N, C-alpha and C. Protein backbone atom coordinates (compact mmCIF):
# COMPACT_ATOMS: atom_id res chain seq x y z
N MET A 1 157.43 225.26 105.15
CA MET A 1 156.81 225.63 106.41
C MET A 1 155.29 225.56 106.31
N LEU A 2 154.75 226.07 105.21
CA LEU A 2 153.31 226.09 105.02
C LEU A 2 152.75 224.68 104.87
N THR A 3 153.48 223.81 104.17
CA THR A 3 153.00 222.43 104.00
C THR A 3 153.02 221.67 105.31
N SER A 4 154.02 221.92 106.15
CA SER A 4 154.06 221.23 107.44
C SER A 4 152.92 221.70 108.34
N GLN A 5 152.57 222.99 108.23
CA GLN A 5 151.46 223.53 109.02
C GLN A 5 150.14 222.89 108.57
N ILE A 6 149.96 222.74 107.26
CA ILE A 6 148.75 222.12 106.72
C ILE A 6 148.68 220.66 107.15
N ALA A 7 149.81 219.98 107.09
CA ALA A 7 149.84 218.57 107.51
C ALA A 7 149.51 218.44 108.99
N LEU A 8 150.03 219.34 109.80
CA LEU A 8 149.75 219.32 111.23
C LEU A 8 148.26 219.55 111.50
N GLU A 9 147.67 220.50 110.79
CA GLU A 9 146.24 220.76 110.95
C GLU A 9 145.41 219.54 110.53
N GLN A 10 145.84 218.86 109.48
CA GLN A 10 145.12 217.67 109.02
C GLN A 10 145.19 216.55 110.06
N ILE A 11 146.37 216.39 110.66
CA ILE A 11 146.54 215.37 111.70
C ILE A 11 145.65 215.68 112.90
N GLU A 12 145.63 216.96 113.30
CA GLU A 12 144.80 217.35 114.44
C GLU A 12 143.32 217.11 114.14
N ALA A 13 142.88 217.41 112.92
CA ALA A 13 141.49 217.18 112.54
C ALA A 13 141.17 215.69 112.56
N ASP A 14 142.10 214.87 112.07
CA ASP A 14 141.89 213.42 112.08
C ASP A 14 141.78 212.89 113.51
N LEU A 15 142.64 213.41 114.39
CA LEU A 15 142.60 212.96 115.78
C LEU A 15 141.28 213.36 116.44
N GLU A 16 140.83 214.59 116.18
CA GLU A 16 139.56 215.03 116.77
C GLU A 16 138.41 214.13 116.32
N SER A 17 138.37 213.81 115.05
CA SER A 17 137.28 212.96 114.58
C SER A 17 137.41 211.55 115.15
N ALA A 18 138.63 211.07 115.29
CA ALA A 18 138.83 209.72 115.86
C ALA A 18 138.36 209.68 117.31
N PHE A 19 138.67 210.72 118.08
CA PHE A 19 138.24 210.73 119.47
C PHE A 19 136.73 210.86 119.58
N CYS A 20 136.11 211.62 118.70
CA CYS A 20 134.65 211.73 118.72
C CYS A 20 134.01 210.39 118.43
N ILE A 21 134.54 209.68 117.45
CA ILE A 21 134.00 208.36 117.12
C ILE A 21 134.22 207.40 118.29
N GLY A 22 135.41 207.43 118.84
CA GLY A 22 135.73 206.55 119.96
C GLY A 22 134.87 206.83 121.17
N ASP A 23 134.65 208.10 121.48
CA ASP A 23 133.82 208.45 122.63
C ASP A 23 132.39 207.97 122.46
N SER A 24 131.83 208.16 121.25
CA SER A 24 130.45 207.74 121.05
C SER A 24 130.33 206.22 121.15
N LEU A 25 131.33 205.49 120.65
CA LEU A 25 131.31 204.03 120.77
C LEU A 25 131.45 203.62 122.23
N PHE A 26 132.31 204.34 122.95
CA PHE A 26 132.53 204.03 124.36
C PHE A 26 131.25 204.25 125.15
N GLU A 27 130.60 205.38 124.92
CA GLU A 27 129.38 205.68 125.67
C GLU A 27 128.27 204.69 125.32
N ALA A 28 128.16 204.32 124.05
CA ALA A 28 127.12 203.36 123.66
C ALA A 28 127.38 202.00 124.29
N GLY A 29 128.65 201.60 124.36
CA GLY A 29 128.99 200.32 124.94
C GLY A 29 128.79 200.29 126.44
N MET A 30 128.99 201.40 127.11
CA MET A 30 128.86 201.46 128.56
C MET A 30 127.40 201.32 129.00
N ALA A 31 126.47 201.64 128.14
CA ALA A 31 125.06 201.57 128.52
C ALA A 31 124.61 200.13 128.76
N HIS A 32 125.29 199.14 128.19
CA HIS A 32 124.86 197.74 128.29
C HIS A 32 125.65 196.93 129.31
N ILE A 33 126.64 197.51 129.92
CA ILE A 33 127.47 196.77 130.88
C ILE A 33 126.80 196.80 132.24
N THR A 34 126.66 195.62 132.84
CA THR A 34 126.11 195.54 134.19
C THR A 34 127.19 195.04 135.14
N LYS A 35 127.03 195.37 136.39
CA LYS A 35 128.01 195.00 137.41
C LYS A 35 127.47 193.80 138.20
N PRO A 36 128.29 192.76 138.42
CA PRO A 36 127.80 191.60 139.17
C PRO A 36 127.63 191.97 140.65
N PRO A 37 126.78 191.24 141.35
CA PRO A 37 126.63 191.49 142.79
C PRO A 37 127.95 191.22 143.52
N ARG A 38 128.11 191.86 144.65
CA ARG A 38 129.36 191.75 145.41
C ARG A 38 129.70 190.31 145.78
N HIS A 39 128.69 189.57 146.23
CA HIS A 39 128.98 188.20 146.69
C HIS A 39 129.48 187.33 145.53
N LEU A 40 128.97 187.54 144.31
CA LEU A 40 129.47 186.78 143.17
C LEU A 40 130.88 187.22 142.78
N ASP A 41 131.13 188.52 142.88
CA ASP A 41 132.45 189.04 142.56
C ASP A 41 133.49 188.51 143.54
N ARG A 42 133.17 188.52 144.82
CA ARG A 42 134.09 188.01 145.84
C ARG A 42 134.33 186.51 145.68
N ALA A 43 133.26 185.78 145.36
CA ALA A 43 133.41 184.34 145.15
C ALA A 43 134.32 184.06 143.96
N HIS A 44 134.17 184.85 142.90
CA HIS A 44 135.03 184.68 141.73
C HIS A 44 136.49 184.95 142.08
N LEU A 45 136.74 186.02 142.83
CA LEU A 45 138.11 186.35 143.22
C LEU A 45 138.71 185.28 144.11
N GLU A 46 137.92 184.71 145.00
CA GLU A 46 138.42 183.64 145.86
C GLU A 46 138.77 182.39 145.06
N ARG A 47 137.97 182.07 144.06
CA ARG A 47 138.28 180.91 143.21
C ARG A 47 139.51 181.17 142.36
N ARG A 48 139.70 182.40 141.93
CA ARG A 48 140.79 182.75 141.03
C ARG A 48 142.13 182.90 141.76
N THR A 49 142.09 183.30 143.02
CA THR A 49 143.32 183.56 143.79
C THR A 49 143.87 182.25 144.32
N PRO A 50 145.15 181.95 144.03
CA PRO A 50 145.74 180.71 144.55
C PRO A 50 145.98 180.82 146.05
N PRO A 51 145.99 179.69 146.75
CA PRO A 51 146.26 179.75 148.19
C PRO A 51 147.71 180.20 148.43
N PRO A 52 147.96 180.87 149.53
CA PRO A 52 149.33 181.35 149.80
C PRO A 52 150.28 180.18 150.04
N GLU A 53 151.51 180.36 149.61
CA GLU A 53 152.52 179.32 149.83
C GLU A 53 152.98 179.37 151.29
N PRO A 54 153.39 178.23 151.85
CA PRO A 54 153.87 178.25 153.23
C PRO A 54 155.19 179.03 153.32
N LEU A 55 155.40 179.61 154.49
CA LEU A 55 156.64 180.37 154.69
C LEU A 55 157.84 179.44 154.69
N PRO A 56 159.00 179.91 154.23
CA PRO A 56 160.19 179.06 154.25
C PRO A 56 160.68 178.85 155.68
N THR A 57 161.40 177.76 155.88
CA THR A 57 161.95 177.49 157.21
C THR A 57 163.11 178.44 157.49
N ARG A 58 163.51 178.51 158.75
CA ARG A 58 164.62 179.39 159.12
C ARG A 58 165.91 178.98 158.42
N GLU A 59 166.11 177.68 158.26
CA GLU A 59 167.33 177.20 157.60
C GLU A 59 167.36 177.64 156.14
N GLU A 60 166.19 177.59 155.47
CA GLU A 60 166.13 178.03 154.07
C GLU A 60 166.43 179.52 153.95
N VAL A 61 165.89 180.31 154.85
CA VAL A 61 166.12 181.76 154.83
C VAL A 61 167.61 182.05 155.04
N ARG A 62 168.19 181.39 156.03
CA ARG A 62 169.63 181.61 156.30
C ARG A 62 170.49 181.21 155.11
N ARG A 63 170.12 180.10 154.46
CA ARG A 63 170.89 179.64 153.30
C ARG A 63 170.76 180.63 152.14
N GLU A 64 169.54 181.11 151.89
CA GLU A 64 169.33 182.05 150.79
C GLU A 64 170.00 183.39 151.03
N LEU A 65 170.07 183.82 152.30
CA LEU A 65 170.72 185.09 152.61
C LEU A 65 172.23 184.96 152.74
N GLY A 66 172.72 183.74 152.74
CA GLY A 66 174.16 183.54 152.84
C GLY A 66 174.69 183.54 154.26
N TRP A 67 173.80 183.45 155.23
CA TRP A 67 174.24 183.47 156.62
C TRP A 67 175.02 182.22 156.97
N VAL A 68 174.79 181.13 156.26
CA VAL A 68 175.54 179.90 156.49
C VAL A 68 177.00 180.15 156.17
N LEU A 69 177.24 180.89 155.10
CA LEU A 69 178.62 181.20 154.72
C LEU A 69 179.29 182.09 155.74
N VAL A 70 178.53 183.03 156.33
CA VAL A 70 179.09 183.91 157.36
C VAL A 70 179.49 183.09 158.57
N ALA A 71 178.62 182.17 158.99
CA ALA A 71 178.93 181.33 160.15
C ALA A 71 180.15 180.46 159.87
N ALA A 72 180.23 179.92 158.64
CA ALA A 72 181.38 179.09 158.29
C ALA A 72 182.66 179.93 158.27
N GLU A 73 182.58 181.15 157.78
CA GLU A 73 183.75 182.04 157.75
C GLU A 73 184.20 182.40 159.16
N ARG A 74 183.26 182.66 160.05
CA ARG A 74 183.61 182.96 161.44
C ARG A 74 184.29 181.76 162.10
N GLN A 75 183.75 180.56 161.83
CA GLN A 75 184.34 179.36 162.40
C GLN A 75 185.76 179.15 161.87
N ALA A 76 185.95 179.37 160.57
CA ALA A 76 187.28 179.22 159.98
C ALA A 76 188.24 180.25 160.54
N GLN A 77 187.77 181.48 160.74
CA GLN A 77 188.61 182.53 161.31
C GLN A 77 188.99 182.19 162.75
N ALA A 78 188.06 181.64 163.51
CA ALA A 78 188.35 181.26 164.90
C ALA A 78 189.40 180.15 164.94
N GLU A 79 189.32 179.20 164.00
CA GLU A 79 190.29 178.11 163.96
C GLU A 79 191.67 178.64 163.55
N ARG A 80 191.71 179.63 162.67
CA ARG A 80 193.00 180.20 162.26
C ARG A 80 193.64 181.00 163.38
N ASP A 81 192.81 181.62 164.23
CA ASP A 81 193.34 182.45 165.32
C ASP A 81 193.88 181.62 166.46
N ARG A 82 193.56 180.33 166.51
CA ARG A 82 194.03 179.48 167.61
C ARG A 82 195.47 179.26 167.57
């Protein structure tokens, strides 16, 4: 029990020192980062974003949803009922 407590305290101490080192590196790095002007940022996003694809036709939508099969089943049922 005592050894596990000592090990836990050592891990906590290591984590604290790691976060202190990481924070100081983070803060030092943030001092040199600049933000581009809005118009350049928007232009970059427009170049990076692909143009939207055209919408599918009604026939493609019906085929993908299986509505063609429903219509065919109704037609077959109507022929059987005759």
